[in-house]
Amino acid sequence: MKKKVLVVDDERTICVLLENFLSPEHIVVTKNSGLEALNWLNTNIPDLIISDIQMSNMDGFEFLKEVRLKGFTKHTPVIMLSGRTESKERVKCYQIGAQDYLAKPFNPDELKEVVKKNLFPIHYASAW
């Protein structure tokens, strides 16, 4: 059964790109804002969330905090995307509860491996 991945990014091109990369193996749902994604999360539970940090209205940090406060998504793995590569921003993501952080532009192969690692952590480790 395909896993459900929620992609949150206000750049439509990134949403389409991620959908194209991930849809052969996963069900991909895209939302263009943190608020839109939070509303969707009221009635849906994804297996993984991929969120941009720099978004208007609600940035990725605030979105991640809200995801962690919701009972149903408290333990859902989250991968944060950002155009910034500073260590300070990555550390902040980890402190708030992100499992991984990828800098844009990201390598599609790395994205697929990070997604696989977060969706299937035991199987991923056993492949070593």
Foldseek 3Di string as FASTA:
>chain_A
DAFEEEEEALDVVVLVVVCVLPVVRHHYDYDNHLVRVVVVVVPDAGQEYEYEQDHPPAGPLRSLLVLCVDPRRVPRAYEYEYQDDDPVVQVSCVVSPHPYYAYPPGDSVVVVLVVCCSNPVVVSVVVD
